[in-house]
């Protein structure tokens, strides 16, 4: 038997803004690790990473870097 493919999958070509919120502020020397992401240090002590051009690979890359830096991930959201 051959492989079964789901032909009902649709590709979303619309642009979305992705936001990743982490606890604490990043030291500035780590900012280069998040190329393509806008880094905003919030007054409440959290950091917000935003990217309106992110694909799945860059999102997973940012999440891996957050893990590697042992940062507390608070949320990941996708907006329009």
C-alpha atoms as a PDB file:
ATOM      1  CA  UNK A   1       0.000   0.000   0.000  1.00  0.00           C
ATOM      2  CA  UNK A   2       1.138   3.516  -0.722  1.00  0.00           C
ATOM      3  CA  UNK A   3       1.230   6.521   1.533  1.00  0.00           C
ATOM      4  CA  UNK A   4      -1.988   8.374   2.208  1.00  0.00           C
ATOM      5  CA  UNK A   5      -1.967  12.128   1.729  1.00  0.00           C
ATOM      6  CA  UNK A   6      -4.400  14.630   3.172  1.00  0.00           C
ATOM      7  CA  UNK A   7      -5.321  16.778   0.187  1.00  0.00           C
ATOM      8  CA  UNK A   8      -7.579  18.979   2.308  1.00  0.00           C
ATOM      9  CA  UNK A   9      -4.645  20.845   3.861  1.00  0.00           C
ATOM     10  CA  UNK A  10      -4.652  24.508   2.900  1.00  0.00           C
ATOM     11  CA  UNK A  11      -1.689  26.819   2.929  1.00  0.00           C
ATOM     12  CA  UNK A  12      -2.206  30.122   4.700  1.00  0.00           C
ATOM     13  CA  UNK A  13      -0.408  32.820   2.734  1.00  0.00           C
ATOM     14  CA  UNK A  14      -1.573  35.641   5.010  1.00  0.00           C
ATOM     15  CA  UNK A  15       0.867  37.453   7.245  1.00  0.00           C
ATOM     16  CA  UNK A  16       0.650  37.073  10.993  1.00  0.00           C
ATOM     17  CA  UNK A  17       2.529  38.716  13.804  1.00  0.00           C
ATOM     18  CA  UNK A  18       4.009  36.313  16.312  1.00  0.00           C
ATOM     19  CA  UNK A  19       4.651  37.368  19.900  1.00  0.00           C
ATOM     20  CA  UNK A  20       6.765  35.497  22.408  1.00  0.00           C
ATOM     21  CA  UNK A  21       6.740  36.698  26.006  1.00  0.00           C
ATOM     22  CA  UNK A  22       9.475  35.676  28.446  1.00  0.00           C
ATOM     23  CA  UNK A  23      10.147  36.451  32.102  1.00  0.00           C
ATOM     24  CA  UNK A  24      13.021  38.855  32.705  1.00  0.00           C
ATOM     25  CA  UNK A  25      15.057  41.097  30.447  1.00  0.00           C
ATOM     26  CA  UNK A  26      17.708  39.802  28.054  1.00  0.00           C
ATOM     27  CA  UNK A  27      21.265  41.031  28.410  1.00  0.00           C
ATOM     28  CA  UNK A  28      22.010  43.098  25.323  1.00  0.00           C
ATOM     29  CA  UNK A  29      24.717  40.726  24.085  1.00  0.00           C
ATOM     30  CA  UNK A  30      21.994  38.066  23.549  1.00  0.00           C
ATOM     31  CA  UNK A  31      19.974  40.322  21.239  1.00  0.00           C
ATOM     32  CA  UNK A  32      22.027  39.165  18.235  1.00  0.00           C
ATOM     33  CA  UNK A  33      20.738  35.625  18.848  1.00  0.00           C
ATOM     34  CA  UNK A  34      17.233  36.809  17.986  1.00  0.00           C
ATOM     35  CA  UNK A  35      17.946  38.349  14.591  1.00  0.00           C
ATOM     36  CA  UNK A  36      14.716  39.297  12.819  1.00  0.00           C
ATOM     37  CA  UNK A  37      12.811  39.637  16.098  1.00  0.00           C
ATOM     38  CA  UNK A  38      11.952  42.978  17.677  1.00  0.00           C
ATOM     39  CA  UNK A  39      12.909  42.890  21.349  1.00  0.00           C
ATOM     40  CA  UNK A  40      10.920  45.058  23.742  1.00  0.00           C
ATOM     41  CA  UNK A  41      11.738  45.191  27.431  1.00  0.00           C
ATOM     42  CA  UNK A  42       8.473  45.728  29.291  1.00  0.00           C
ATOM     43  CA  UNK A  43       8.117  47.720  32.507  1.00  0.00           C
ATOM     44  CA  UNK A  44       6.769  44.675  34.345  1.00  0.00           C
ATOM     45  CA  UNK A  45      10.144  42.935  33.980  1.00  0.00           C
ATOM     46  CA  UNK A  46       9.170  40.788  31.002  1.00  0.00           C
ATOM     47  CA  UNK A  47      10.563  40.787  27.465  1.00  0.00           C
ATOM     48  CA  UNK A  48       8.385  40.691  24.351  1.00  0.00           C
ATOM     49  CA  UNK A  49       9.763  39.307  21.092  1.00  0.00           C
ATOM     50  CA  UNK A  50       7.699  40.146  17.983  1.00  0.00           C
ATOM     51  CA  UNK A  51       8.097  39.132  14.362  1.00  0.00           C
ATOM     52  CA  UNK A  52       5.671  39.678  11.501  1.00  0.00           C
ATOM     53  CA  UNK A  53       7.717  37.681   8.978  1.00  0.00           C
ATOM     54  CA  UNK A  54       8.405  34.568  11.022  1.00  0.00           C
ATOM     55  CA  UNK A  55       7.948  31.118   9.553  1.00  0.00           C
ATOM     56  CA  UNK A  56       7.710  27.904  11.578  1.00  0.00           C
ATOM     57  CA  UNK A  57      11.464  27.387  11.440  1.00  0.00           C
ATOM     58  CA  UNK A  58      12.298  30.808  12.903  1.00  0.00           C
ATOM     59  CA  UNK A  59       9.667  30.413  15.615  1.00  0.00           C
ATOM     60  CA  UNK A  60      11.094  27.051  16.659  1.00  0.00           C
ATOM     61  CA  UNK A  61      14.601  28.545  16.481  1.00  0.00           C
ATOM     62  CA  UNK A  62      13.634  31.372  18.847  1.00  0.00           C
ATOM     63  CA  UNK A  63      11.976  28.905  21.227  1.00  0.00           C
ATOM     64  CA  UNK A  64      15.103  26.715  21.209  1.00  0.00           C
ATOM     65  CA  UNK A  65      17.252  29.751  22.040  1.00  0.00           C
ATOM     66  CA  UNK A  66      14.922  30.669  24.893  1.00  0.00           C
ATOM     67  CA  UNK A  67      15.292  27.118  26.193  1.00  0.00           C
ATOM     68  CA  UNK A  68      19.082  27.189  25.758  1.00  0.00           C
ATOM     69  CA  UNK A  69      19.292  30.434  27.760  1.00  0.00           C
ATOM     70  CA  UNK A  70      17.142  28.822  30.478  1.00  0.00           C
ATOM     71  CA  UNK A  71      14.558  31.626  30.239  1.00  0.00           C
ATOM     72  CA  UNK A  72      10.995  31.242  31.481  1.00  0.00           C
ATOM     73  CA  UNK A  73       8.606  31.134  28.513  1.00  0.00           C
ATOM     74  CA  UNK A  74       5.339  32.845  29.432  1.00  0.00           C
ATOM     75  CA  UNK A  75       3.375  32.785  26.176  1.00  0.00           C
ATOM     76  CA  UNK A  76       3.466  32.401  22.400  1.00  0.00           C
ATOM     77  CA  UNK A  77       0.679  34.048  20.420  1.00  0.00           C
ATOM     78  CA  UNK A  78      -0.185  34.618  16.783  1.00  0.00           C
ATOM     79  CA  UNK A  79      -2.106  37.687  15.753  1.00  0.00           C
ATOM     80  CA  UNK A  80      -3.202  39.182  12.467  1.00  0.00           C
END
